[in-house]
Structure formats: C-alpha cells, structure tokens
Amino acid sequence: MKKKELFRGAMMAAFLAVALASIIGSPAACAQQETAAAGGSAPVAVWHYLGAALGLGMIVIGAGLGIGKLAAAAGEGIARQPAAAAQISGAVNLPLFLLEGVAILGEVFVLLIVLMR
C-alpha cells in the first residue's frame, strides 16, 4: 500500500508542478508585455522561467520515482518466480509506457509555457 501511495504522490507532484508553472508563468508574461509597452524593464519575467524550471524538475523527479518503483517491484517479482518472468514483464510494460507518456506530455506542456509566453 505504501508503494501505491508514493507513486500517487509522485504523479500528483508532477501534475501540480505543471499547474504551478502555468500559474506563475501567466502573470509574468502579461507583466512583461505591459512593462515592455511602457518602456521599462521587466524583472517579473524571471518568474516565468523559474516556474517552468521547477515544474520540469518535479515532472522528471516524479516520473523517475514512479518508473523506479515499478521496475523494482517487477524485478522483485521475477526474482521470486523466475518462471513467470514473461508474464510479469508483459504486465509491467503498459503502465511503464503510460507513465513515460505522462512525463513526456508534462515536459511538452512546460516547454509550451516557456515558448508561448
């Protein structure tokens, strides 16, 4: 039960990181446009990149934790029952691919936030 809670927490942290990056980045982008129109400097624009960097870091950490826990559980199961190695690795592939896909989507969203400011 503890592994499931850790995995759920890592995925929630990754989701919250993307949300945090978009929340921090949006006002900074608007402030930068308003300040640039007024002819001044925009010190708030740094928050946009800081939020994206924090979000990307949390996404990568969350995906790494989830993939590591999944691979450790699969390795432990194969060590206990070597005869079921094909079935265990087959059952692990789909969640592993889905987790990797969520991480890639999160990275794409963070890059879009940075590039579409």
N, C-alpha and C. Protein backbone atom coordinates (compact mmCIF):
# COMPACT_ATOMS: atom_id res chain seq x y z
N MET A 1 0.83 -1.19 0.00
CA MET A 1 0.00 0.00 0.00
C MET A 1 0.87 1.26 0.00
N LYS A 2 2.03 1.19 0.64
CA LYS A 2 2.89 2.36 0.72
C LYS A 2 3.47 2.72 -0.65
N LYS A 3 3.79 1.71 -1.46
CA LYS A 3 4.32 1.97 -2.79
C LYS A 3 3.28 2.68 -3.66
N LYS A 4 2.04 2.26 -3.53
CA LYS A 4 0.97 2.89 -4.31
C LYS A 4 0.79 4.34 -3.90
N GLU A 5 0.88 4.62 -2.61
CA GLU A 5 0.74 5.99 -2.13
C GLU A 5 1.91 6.85 -2.59
N LEU A 6 3.12 6.29 -2.62
CA LEU A 6 4.28 7.04 -3.08
C LEU A 6 4.16 7.35 -4.57
N PHE A 7 3.72 6.37 -5.34
CA PHE A 7 3.54 6.57 -6.78
C PHE A 7 2.47 7.63 -7.03
N ARG A 8 1.37 7.55 -6.30
CA ARG A 8 0.30 8.53 -6.46
C ARG A 8 0.78 9.92 -6.08
N GLY A 9 1.59 10.01 -5.03
CA GLY A 9 2.13 11.29 -4.61
C GLY A 9 3.08 11.88 -5.64
N ALA A 10 3.89 11.01 -6.27
CA ALA A 10 4.81 11.49 -7.30
C ALA A 10 4.05 12.01 -8.51
N MET A 11 3.02 11.32 -8.90
CA MET A 11 2.24 11.77 -10.05
C MET A 11 1.48 13.06 -9.73
N MET A 12 0.99 13.18 -8.51
CA MET A 12 0.31 14.41 -8.11
C MET A 12 1.29 15.58 -8.08
N ALA A 13 2.52 15.32 -7.63
CA ALA A 13 3.54 16.37 -7.61
C ALA A 13 3.87 16.83 -9.02
N ALA A 14 3.94 15.90 -9.96
CA ALA A 14 4.22 16.27 -11.34
C ALA A 14 3.09 17.11 -11.91
N PHE A 15 1.85 16.73 -11.65
CA PHE A 15 0.71 17.49 -12.13
C PHE A 15 0.68 18.89 -11.51
N LEU A 16 0.93 18.96 -10.21
CA LEU A 16 0.94 20.26 -9.54
C LEU A 16 2.08 21.14 -10.03
N ALA A 17 3.19 20.52 -10.41
CA ALA A 17 4.32 21.30 -10.93
C ALA A 17 3.95 21.97 -12.25
N VAL A 18 3.25 21.24 -13.11
CA VAL A 18 2.82 21.83 -14.37
C VAL A 18 1.81 22.95 -14.11
N ALA A 19 0.90 22.71 -13.18
CA ALA A 19 -0.08 23.75 -12.85
C ALA A 19 0.61 24.97 -12.24
N LEU A 20 1.59 24.74 -11.38
CA LEU A 20 2.33 25.84 -10.77
C LEU A 20 3.09 26.64 -11.82
N ALA A 21 3.70 25.95 -12.77
CA ALA A 21 4.44 26.65 -13.81
C ALA A 21 3.51 27.51 -14.66
N SER A 22 2.32 27.01 -14.93
CA SER A 22 1.40 27.81 -15.74
C SER A 22 0.82 28.98 -14.94
N ILE A 23 0.59 28.78 -13.65
CA ILE A 23 0.06 29.86 -12.83
C ILE A 23 1.11 30.95 -12.63
N ILE A 24 2.35 30.55 -12.38
CA ILE A 24 3.42 31.53 -12.18
C ILE A 24 3.77 32.20 -13.50
N GLY A 25 3.75 31.45 -14.57
CA GLY A 25 4.19 31.98 -15.85
C GLY A 25 3.21 32.94 -16.50
N SER A 26 1.93 32.74 -16.32
CA SER A 26 0.94 33.58 -17.00
C SER A 26 0.98 35.04 -16.55
N PRO A 27 0.95 35.34 -15.25
CA PRO A 27 1.04 36.76 -14.87
C PRO A 27 2.37 37.38 -15.26
N ALA A 28 3.45 36.59 -15.23
CA ALA A 28 4.75 37.13 -15.61
C ALA A 28 4.78 37.50 -17.08
N ALA A 29 4.15 36.71 -17.91
CA ALA A 29 4.11 37.02 -19.34
C ALA A 29 3.29 38.28 -19.59
N CYS A 30 2.17 38.40 -18.90
CA CYS A 30 1.35 39.61 -19.05
C CYS A 30 2.09 40.84 -18.54
N ALA A 31 2.77 40.71 -17.40
CA ALA A 31 3.51 41.84 -16.84
C ALA A 31 4.66 42.25 -17.75
N GLN A 32 5.27 41.27 -18.40
CA GLN A 32 6.37 41.59 -19.29
C GLN A 32 5.85 42.39 -20.49
N GLN A 33 4.71 42.01 -21.02
CA GLN A 33 4.15 42.73 -22.16
C GLN A 33 3.76 44.16 -21.77
N GLU A 34 3.16 44.32 -20.58
CA GLU A 34 2.76 45.64 -20.13
C GLU A 34 3.98 46.52 -19.86
N THR A 35 5.01 45.95 -19.25
CA THR A 35 6.20 46.73 -18.93
C THR A 35 6.97 47.08 -20.19
N ALA A 36 7.01 46.15 -21.14
CA ALA A 36 7.71 46.44 -22.40
C ALA A 36 6.97 47.55 -23.16
N ALA A 37 5.65 47.56 -23.06
CA ALA A 37 4.89 48.61 -23.74
C ALA A 37 5.13 49.97 -23.07
N ALA A 38 5.36 49.95 -21.76
CA ALA A 38 5.61 51.20 -21.04
C ALA A 38 7.06 51.66 -21.20
N GLY A 39 7.93 50.82 -21.71
CA GLY A 39 9.32 51.20 -21.95
C GLY A 39 10.25 50.90 -20.79
N GLY A 40 9.82 50.13 -19.80
CA GLY A 40 10.66 49.80 -18.65
C GLY A 40 11.19 48.39 -18.72
N SER A 41 11.93 48.02 -17.69
CA SER A 41 12.44 46.65 -17.63
C SER A 41 11.40 45.76 -16.98
N ALA A 42 11.54 44.46 -17.17
CA ALA A 42 10.57 43.50 -16.65
C ALA A 42 11.25 42.51 -15.72
N PRO A 43 11.40 42.83 -14.42
CA PRO A 43 12.03 41.87 -13.51
C PRO A 43 11.14 40.68 -13.19
N VAL A 44 9.86 40.78 -13.51
CA VAL A 44 8.92 39.71 -13.21
C VAL A 44 9.05 38.57 -14.21
N ALA A 45 9.70 38.82 -15.35
CA ALA A 45 9.80 37.80 -16.39
C ALA A 45 10.62 36.60 -15.94
N VAL A 46 11.43 36.77 -14.92
CA VAL A 46 12.24 35.66 -14.42
C VAL A 46 11.34 34.60 -13.78
N TRP A 47 10.24 35.01 -13.18
CA TRP A 47 9.34 34.05 -12.53
C TRP A 47 8.77 33.06 -13.53
N HIS A 48 8.59 33.48 -14.75
CA HIS A 48 8.08 32.60 -15.80
C HIS A 48 9.02 31.42 -16.00
N TYR A 49 10.30 31.72 -16.12
CA TYR A 49 11.29 30.66 -16.34
C TYR A 49 11.53 29.85 -15.08
N LEU A 50 11.47 30.49 -13.93
CA LEU A 50 11.66 29.77 -12.68
C LEU A 50 10.54 28.76 -12.45
N GLY A 51 9.30 29.17 -12.72
CA GLY A 51 8.17 28.24 -12.59
C GLY A 51 8.28 27.08 -13.56
N ALA A 52 8.70 27.36 -14.79
CA ALA A 52 8.86 26.29 -15.77
C ALA A 52 9.98 25.35 -15.37
N ALA A 53 11.07 25.89 -14.85
CA ALA A 53 12.19 25.04 -14.43
C ALA A 53 11.80 24.16 -13.24
N LEU A 54 11.09 24.74 -12.27
CA LEU A 54 10.63 23.94 -11.13
C LEU A 54 9.64 22.87 -11.57
N GLY A 55 8.74 23.24 -12.46
CA GLY A 55 7.77 22.27 -12.96
C GLY A 55 8.43 21.14 -13.70
N LEU A 56 9.38 21.46 -14.56
CA LEU A 56 10.07 20.43 -15.32
C LEU A 56 10.88 19.51 -14.41
N GLY A 57 11.52 20.10 -13.42
CA GLY A 57 12.28 19.28 -12.47
C GLY A 57 11.40 18.34 -11.69
N MET A 58 10.25 18.82 -11.24
CA MET A 58 9.35 17.96 -10.48
C MET A 58 8.73 16.88 -11.35
N ILE A 59 8.50 17.18 -12.62
CA ILE A 59 7.98 16.17 -13.53
C ILE A 59 8.98 15.04 -13.70
N VAL A 60 10.23 15.41 -13.92
CA VAL A 60 11.27 14.40 -14.13
C VAL A 60 11.49 13.58 -12.87
N ILE A 61 11.49 14.23 -11.71
CA ILE A 61 11.67 13.50 -10.45
C ILE A 61 10.50 12.56 -10.20
N GLY A 62 9.28 13.04 -10.42
CA GLY A 62 8.11 12.18 -10.22
C GLY A 62 8.09 10.99 -11.16
N ALA A 63 8.42 11.21 -12.42
CA ALA A 63 8.44 10.10 -13.36
C ALA A 63 9.56 9.12 -13.01
N GLY A 64 10.71 9.64 -12.60
CA GLY A 64 11.81 8.76 -12.22
C GLY A 64 11.46 7.91 -11.01
N LEU A 65 10.81 8.51 -10.02
CA LEU A 65 10.40 7.73 -8.85
C LEU A 65 9.38 6.66 -9.23
N GLY A 66 8.42 7.02 -10.06
CA GLY A 66 7.40 6.06 -10.45
C GLY A 66 7.97 4.91 -11.26
N ILE A 67 8.83 5.22 -12.22
CA ILE A 67 9.44 4.18 -13.04
C ILE A 67 10.37 3.31 -12.20
N GLY A 68 11.10 3.92 -11.28
CA GLY A 68 11.99 3.15 -10.41
C GLY A 68 11.23 2.18 -9.52
N LYS A 69 10.14 2.65 -8.93
CA LYS A 69 9.34 1.77 -8.07
C LYS A 69 8.71 0.63 -8.87
N LEU A 70 8.25 0.94 -10.07
CA LEU A 70 7.63 -0.08 -10.91
C LEU A 70 8.66 -1.13 -11.33
N ALA A 71 9.85 -0.68 -11.73
CA ALA A 71 10.89 -1.62 -12.14
C ALA A 71 11.39 -2.44 -10.96
N ALA A 72 11.47 -1.84 -9.77
CA ALA A 72 11.91 -2.58 -8.58
C ALA A 72 10.90 -3.67 -8.21
N ALA A 73 9.63 -3.34 -8.30
CA ALA A 73 8.60 -4.33 -7.99
C ALA A 73 8.61 -5.47 -9.01
N ALA A 74 8.83 -5.12 -10.28
CA ALA A 74 8.89 -6.16 -11.31
C ALA A 74 10.11 -7.05 -11.11
N GLY A 75 11.25 -6.43 -10.81
CA GLY A 75 12.45 -7.23 -10.56
C GLY A 75 12.30 -8.14 -9.36
N GLU A 76 11.66 -7.65 -8.32
CA GLU A 76 11.42 -8.47 -7.13
C GLU A 76 10.49 -9.64 -7.44
N GLY A 77 9.46 -9.36 -8.25
CA GLY A 77 8.53 -10.43 -8.62
C GLY A 77 9.19 -11.48 -9.49
N ILE A 78 10.05 -11.06 -10.40
CA ILE A 78 10.76 -12.02 -11.26
C ILE A 78 11.76 -12.82 -10.43
N ALA A 79 12.39 -12.18 -9.43
CA ALA A 79 13.33 -12.91 -8.58
C ALA A 79 12.62 -13.96 -7.74
N ARG A 80 11.39 -13.69 -7.36
CA ARG A 80 10.65 -14.67 -6.56
C ARG A 80 10.10 -15.81 -7.40
N GLN A 81 9.67 -15.48 -8.61
CA GLN A 81 9.12 -16.52 -9.51
C GLN A 81 9.72 -16.36 -10.90
N PRO A 82 10.88 -16.95 -11.13
CA PRO A 82 11.52 -16.80 -12.44
C PRO A 82 10.70 -17.40 -13.59
N ALA A 83 9.86 -18.35 -13.29
CA ALA A 83 9.06 -18.97 -14.34
C ALA A 83 8.02 -18.00 -14.90
N ALA A 84 7.62 -17.02 -14.13
CA ALA A 84 6.61 -16.06 -14.56
C ALA A 84 7.21 -14.76 -15.08
N ALA A 85 8.47 -14.80 -15.50
CA ALA A 85 9.17 -13.58 -15.93
C ALA A 85 8.49 -12.95 -17.14
N ALA A 86 8.07 -13.76 -18.10
CA ALA A 86 7.43 -13.21 -19.30
C ALA A 86 6.10 -12.54 -18.97
N GLN A 87 5.33 -13.17 -18.09
CA GLN A 87 4.04 -12.59 -17.72
C GLN A 87 4.22 -11.30 -16.90
N ILE A 88 5.20 -11.30 -16.01
CA ILE A 88 5.43 -10.10 -15.18
C ILE A 88 5.91 -8.95 -16.04
N SER A 89 6.88 -9.21 -16.92
CA SER A 89 7.39 -8.12 -17.75
C SER A 89 6.33 -7.64 -18.74
N GLY A 90 5.47 -8.52 -19.19
CA GLY A 90 4.37 -8.11 -20.07
C GLY A 90 3.36 -7.24 -19.36
N ALA A 91 3.10 -7.56 -18.09
CA ALA A 91 2.14 -6.77 -17.31
C ALA A 91 2.72 -5.43 -16.89
N VAL A 92 4.03 -5.32 -16.85
CA VAL A 92 4.68 -4.08 -16.42
C VAL A 92 4.79 -3.09 -17.58
N ASN A 93 4.83 -3.57 -18.79
CA ASN A 93 5.09 -2.70 -19.94
C ASN A 93 4.04 -1.60 -20.10
N LEU A 94 2.77 -1.91 -20.05
CA LEU A 94 1.73 -0.91 -20.28
C LEU A 94 1.77 0.22 -19.25
N PRO A 95 1.78 -0.06 -17.95
CA PRO A 95 1.87 1.07 -17.00
C PRO A 95 3.17 1.86 -17.15
N LEU A 96 4.25 1.16 -17.52
CA LEU A 96 5.52 1.86 -17.71
C LEU A 96 5.44 2.82 -18.88
N PHE A 97 4.84 2.39 -19.97
CA PHE A 97 4.69 3.26 -21.13
C PHE A 97 3.75 4.42 -20.84
N LEU A 98 2.69 4.16 -20.09
CA LEU A 98 1.77 5.25 -19.74
C LEU A 98 2.44 6.28 -18.84
N LEU A 99 3.23 5.82 -17.91
CA LEU A 99 3.94 6.74 -17.02
C LEU A 99 4.95 7.57 -17.80
N GLU A 100 5.65 6.94 -18.72
CA GLU A 100 6.60 7.67 -19.54
C GLU A 100 5.88 8.68 -20.43
N GLY A 101 4.71 8.31 -20.94
CA GLY A 101 3.93 9.23 -21.76
C GLY A 101 3.45 10.44 -20.99
N VAL A 102 3.05 10.25 -19.74
CA VAL A 102 2.62 11.37 -18.91
C VAL A 102 3.80 12.31 -18.66
N ALA A 103 4.97 11.75 -18.43
CA ALA A 103 6.15 12.60 -18.21
C ALA A 103 6.51 13.39 -19.46
N ILE A 104 6.44 12.76 -20.61
CA ILE A 104 6.75 13.46 -21.86
C ILE A 104 5.72 14.55 -22.12
N LEU A 105 4.44 14.27 -21.88
CA LEU A 105 3.42 15.30 -22.06
C LEU A 105 3.64 16.48 -21.12
N GLY A 106 4.00 16.19 -19.88
CA GLY A 106 4.29 17.26 -18.93
C GLY A 106 5.46 18.12 -19.39
N GLU A 107 6.50 17.48 -19.91
CA GLU A 107 7.64 18.24 -20.42
C GLU A 107 7.25 19.10 -21.62
N VAL A 108 6.41 18.56 -22.49
CA VAL A 108 5.95 19.33 -23.65
C VAL A 108 5.12 20.53 -23.20
N PHE A 109 4.26 20.34 -22.20
CA PHE A 109 3.45 21.46 -21.71
C PHE A 109 4.33 22.55 -21.08
N VAL A 110 5.35 22.14 -20.34
CA VAL A 110 6.25 23.13 -19.74
C VAL A 110 6.99 23.89 -20.84
N LEU A 111 7.47 23.18 -21.86
CA LEU A 111 8.15 23.87 -22.95
C LEU A 111 7.22 24.79 -23.70
N LEU A 112 5.96 24.40 -23.85
CA LEU A 112 4.99 25.29 -24.49
C LEU A 112 4.76 26.54 -23.66
N ILE A 113 4.73 26.39 -22.34
CA ILE A 113 4.56 27.54 -21.47
C ILE A 113 5.72 28.51 -21.66
N VAL A 114 6.93 27.97 -21.76
CA VAL A 114 8.11 28.82 -21.92
C VAL A 114 8.11 29.48 -23.30
N LEU A 115 7.82 28.71 -24.34
CA LEU A 115 7.94 29.22 -25.68
C LEU A 115 6.76 30.09 -26.12
N MET A 116 5.60 29.94 -25.50
CA MET A 116 4.40 30.67 -25.92
C MET A 116 4.09 31.84 -24.98
N ARG A 117 5.08 32.42 -24.39
CA ARG A 117 4.84 33.50 -23.43
C ARG A 117 4.43 34.77 -24.09
